[in-house]
Amino acid sequence: MPKKRINTVNAVLGRRGTGKTTYIKQLIEVYKQAHPQQKILIIDTLDHPAYKEIPAINLDLLTRWEKPNTYRLFGSNTDEILQTIDENLYNALLICEDASKYLNRTITPEVRRFIYDSKQKNLDIIFLFHGFMATPVELFRMIDNLVLFKCDSPNNRKNDMINFQEVTESWQRVMINPSPYYNETVNIY
């Protein structure tokens, strides 16, 4: 019997230097082992130096991408990139590096669609943000998991999360932990 997939939408929050990118790179390796037939795409507005060993793909090739592989896609044409992903990306892990660069206060219709259609498109999605205030309010109601590194306080998002108390307790443990890279994951329900 094939392994059952659960497509999740995740947010990773942490200030610069807390280990988010290292966490993602380790997660990519685990994901490849668990899902060898899945594609992995990392998007960003800049050519992030931490991902230099991963080959870049251009937007035109993204529309024809079929075989499992790991690519990165970067550029300032984020509206076009997000629309192309919405229309063409299936069977993949999508990593949105430093998502606050292209997801401001509101989530674009394309992003909303690929979040809502993630099960039908067989997508796992990870958004990386620098903290609670950089994360669009609507996203807190759409994610399945929240990975917390050291970041700003969740207090201003009290009304935006169902399990705010659990998130706050996790955030407090992260903040007092002596390791600058310590993180915890909270299931959002």
Protein backbone atom coordinates (compact mmCIF):
# COMPACT_ATOMS: atom_id res chain seq x y z
CA MET A 1 0.00 0.00 0.00
CA PRO A 2 1.43 3.46 -0.89
CA LYS A 3 2.46 5.73 1.93
CA LYS A 4 -0.34 8.14 2.79
CA ARG A 5 0.63 11.79 2.34
CA ILE A 6 -0.57 14.61 4.48
CA ASN A 7 -0.04 17.94 2.80
CA THR A 8 0.75 20.61 5.37
CA VAL A 9 1.13 24.35 5.33
CA ASN A 10 3.81 25.54 7.74
CA ALA A 11 5.27 28.81 8.94
CA VAL A 12 8.79 29.10 10.33
CA LEU A 13 9.38 32.23 12.40
CA GLY A 14 12.74 33.50 13.59
CA ARG A 15 14.96 36.51 13.45
CA ARG A 16 18.14 36.57 11.39
CA GLY A 17 20.82 34.20 12.57
CA THR A 18 18.58 31.86 14.56
CA GLY A 19 19.01 28.84 12.27
CA LYS A 20 15.94 28.92 10.00
CA THR A 21 17.88 28.26 6.80
CA THR A 22 19.95 25.49 8.38
CA TYR A 23 16.70 23.94 9.65
CA ILE A 24 15.22 24.11 6.12
CA LYS A 25 18.29 22.57 4.51
CA GLN A 26 18.12 19.65 6.97
CA LEU A 27 14.39 19.33 6.35
CA ILE A 28 15.01 19.15 2.59
CA GLU A 29 17.29 16.13 3.08
CA VAL A 30 14.74 14.37 5.30
CA TYR A 31 11.97 15.18 2.81
CA LYS A 32 13.97 13.76 -0.12
CA GLN A 33 14.40 10.48 1.76
CA ALA A 34 10.74 10.25 2.76
CA HIS A 35 9.32 11.38 -0.60
CA PRO A 36 11.81 10.55 -3.38
CA GLN A 37 9.21 11.15 -6.12
CA GLN A 38 8.43 14.71 -5.00
CA LYS A 39 9.87 17.91 -6.42
CA ILE A 40 11.34 20.56 -4.11
CA LEU A 41 11.26 24.25 -5.01
CA ILE A 42 12.77 27.10 -3.02
CA ILE A 43 11.63 30.59 -4.01
CA ASP A 44 13.06 33.94 -2.97
CA THR A 45 13.48 37.42 -4.39
CA LEU A 46 17.27 37.15 -4.08
CA ASP A 47 19.81 34.52 -4.98
CA HIS A 48 20.20 33.37 -1.35
CA PRO A 49 23.84 32.35 -0.76
CA ALA A 50 22.87 29.45 1.53
CA TYR A 51 21.26 27.64 -1.41
CA LYS A 52 24.05 28.12 -4.00
CA GLU A 53 24.64 24.36 -4.29
CA ILE A 54 21.04 23.90 -5.47
CA PRO A 55 20.60 24.48 -9.22
CA ALA A 56 18.48 27.44 -10.29
CA ILE A 57 15.49 27.06 -12.58
CA ASN A 58 13.91 29.81 -14.63
CA LEU A 59 10.21 30.51 -14.79
CA ASP A 60 9.83 29.05 -18.27
CA LEU A 61 11.34 25.71 -17.20
CA LEU A 62 9.08 25.63 -14.14
CA THR A 63 6.07 25.18 -16.42
CA ARG A 64 7.66 22.01 -17.92
CA TRP A 65 9.22 20.54 -14.77
CA GLU A 66 8.18 16.91 -14.34
CA LYS A 67 10.94 14.80 -12.74
CA PRO A 68 11.71 14.87 -9.01
CA ASN A 69 14.55 17.24 -8.29
CA THR A 70 15.43 20.19 -6.08
CA TYR A 71 15.59 23.66 -7.61
CA ARG A 72 15.60 27.24 -6.53
CA LEU A 73 13.82 30.08 -8.27
CA PHE A 74 14.52 33.71 -7.53
CA GLY A 75 13.64 37.07 -8.99
CA SER A 76 11.92 40.35 -8.34
CA ASN A 77 8.94 39.41 -10.52
CA THR A 78 7.21 37.78 -7.56
CA ASP A 79 3.65 38.23 -8.85
CA GLU A 80 4.55 36.30 -12.02
CA ILE A 81 6.46 33.67 -10.01
CA LEU A 82 3.53 33.11 -7.62
CA GLN A 83 1.04 32.92 -10.49
CA THR A 84 3.21 30.38 -12.34
CA ILE A 85 3.55 28.29 -9.17
CA ASP A 86 -0.21 28.43 -8.65
CA GLU A 87 -0.83 27.23 -12.21
CA ASN A 88 1.98 24.67 -12.60
CA LEU A 89 3.41 23.27 -9.37
CA TYR A 90 2.18 19.82 -8.32
CA ASN A 91 3.68 16.98 -6.25
CA ALA A 92 6.18 19.18 -4.47
CA LEU A 93 7.56 20.76 -1.36
CA LEU A 94 7.42 24.53 -1.81
CA ILE A 95 9.70 26.62 0.41
CA CYS A 96 9.03 30.36 0.43
CA GLU A 97 12.28 31.82 1.78
CA ASP A 98 11.90 35.20 3.51
CA ALA A 99 8.24 35.32 2.51
CA SER A 100 7.67 38.80 3.97
CA LYS A 101 9.36 40.16 0.82
CA TYR A 102 6.37 39.11 -1.29
CA LEU A 103 3.61 38.45 1.25
CA ASN A 104 2.89 41.69 3.00
CA ARG A 105 -0.18 42.38 5.08
CA THR A 106 -2.47 40.41 2.80
CA ILE A 107 -2.08 37.11 1.03
CA THR A 108 -2.33 37.33 -2.75
CA PRO A 109 -5.07 35.37 -4.54
CA GLU A 110 -2.44 33.05 -6.09
CA VAL A 111 -0.94 32.17 -2.72
CA ARG A 112 -4.38 31.71 -1.19
CA ARG A 113 -5.27 29.31 -4.04
CA PHE A 114 -2.17 27.16 -3.77
CA ILE A 115 -2.64 26.98 -0.01
CA TYR A 116 -6.28 25.96 -0.32
CA ASP A 117 -5.51 23.57 -3.18
CA SER A 118 -2.45 22.04 -1.52
CA LYS A 119 -4.11 18.65 -0.99
CA GLN A 120 -5.38 18.44 -4.57
CA LYS A 121 -1.99 19.54 -5.93
CA ASN A 122 -0.06 17.33 -3.46
CA LEU A 123 1.91 20.30 -2.08
CA ASP A 124 3.65 20.76 1.24
CA ILE A 125 4.33 24.46 1.82
CA ILE A 126 6.74 26.23 4.16
CA PHE A 127 6.76 30.00 4.62
CA LEU A 128 9.74 31.61 6.40
CA PHE A 129 9.25 34.90 8.25
CA HIS A 130 11.35 36.93 10.68
CA GLY A 131 8.63 37.02 13.32
CA PHE A 132 4.98 37.31 14.25
CA MET A 133 4.55 40.90 13.08
CA ALA A 134 6.05 40.09 9.65
CA THR A 135 3.55 37.25 9.12
CA PRO A 136 0.21 38.10 7.46
CA VAL A 137 -2.65 37.71 9.95
CA GLU A 138 -4.64 35.52 7.55
CA LEU A 139 -1.82 32.98 7.36
CA PHE A 140 -2.23 32.10 11.05
CA ARG A 141 -5.67 30.72 10.17
CA MET A 142 -4.33 28.72 7.21
CA ILE A 143 -1.24 26.97 8.60
CA ASP A 144 -1.05 23.54 10.18
CA ASN A 145 2.24 23.98 12.04
CA LEU A 146 4.23 26.86 13.41
CA VAL A 147 7.99 26.41 13.95
CA LEU A 148 9.29 28.96 16.42
CA PHE A 149 12.86 30.18 16.66
CA LYS A 150 13.83 33.26 18.68
CA CYS A 151 11.67 36.12 17.40
CA ASP A 152 9.34 38.93 18.42
CA SER A 153 6.50 38.34 20.86
CA PRO A 154 3.23 36.75 19.75
CA ASN A 155 1.26 39.11 22.05
CA ASN A 156 0.06 41.32 19.18
CA ARG A 157 -1.38 38.23 17.46
CA LYS A 158 -3.51 37.12 20.41
CA ASN A 159 -6.78 37.41 18.48
CA ASP A 160 -5.37 35.79 15.34
CA MET A 161 -4.62 32.29 16.68
CA ILE A 162 -6.98 29.72 18.13
CA ASN A 163 -4.33 28.17 20.39
CA PHE A 164 -2.60 31.39 21.35
CA GLN A 165 -1.77 30.15 24.87
CA GLU A 166 0.08 27.10 23.54
CA VAL A 167 1.98 29.25 21.03
CA THR A 168 2.93 31.72 23.77
CA GLU A 169 4.17 28.98 26.09
CA SER A 170 6.28 27.49 23.31
CA TRP A 171 7.66 30.92 22.37
CA GLN A 172 8.61 31.56 26.02
CA ARG A 173 10.53 28.25 26.20
CA VAL A 174 12.35 29.12 22.97
CA MET A 175 13.26 32.59 24.21
CA ILE A 176 14.72 31.41 27.55
CA ASN A 177 16.64 28.49 26.06
CA PRO A 178 20.38 29.31 26.10
CA SER A 179 20.92 27.94 22.58
CA PRO A 180 20.54 30.64 19.91
CA TYR A 181 19.25 27.92 17.52
CA TYR A 182 16.67 26.21 19.72
CA ASN A 183 13.22 25.85 18.17
CA GLU A 184 9.85 24.26 18.88
CA THR A 185 6.97 23.24 16.64
CA VAL A 186 3.36 23.96 17.58
CA ASN A 187 0.42 22.34 15.80
CA ILE A 188 -2.12 24.99 14.91
CA TYR A 189 -5.73 23.88 15.18
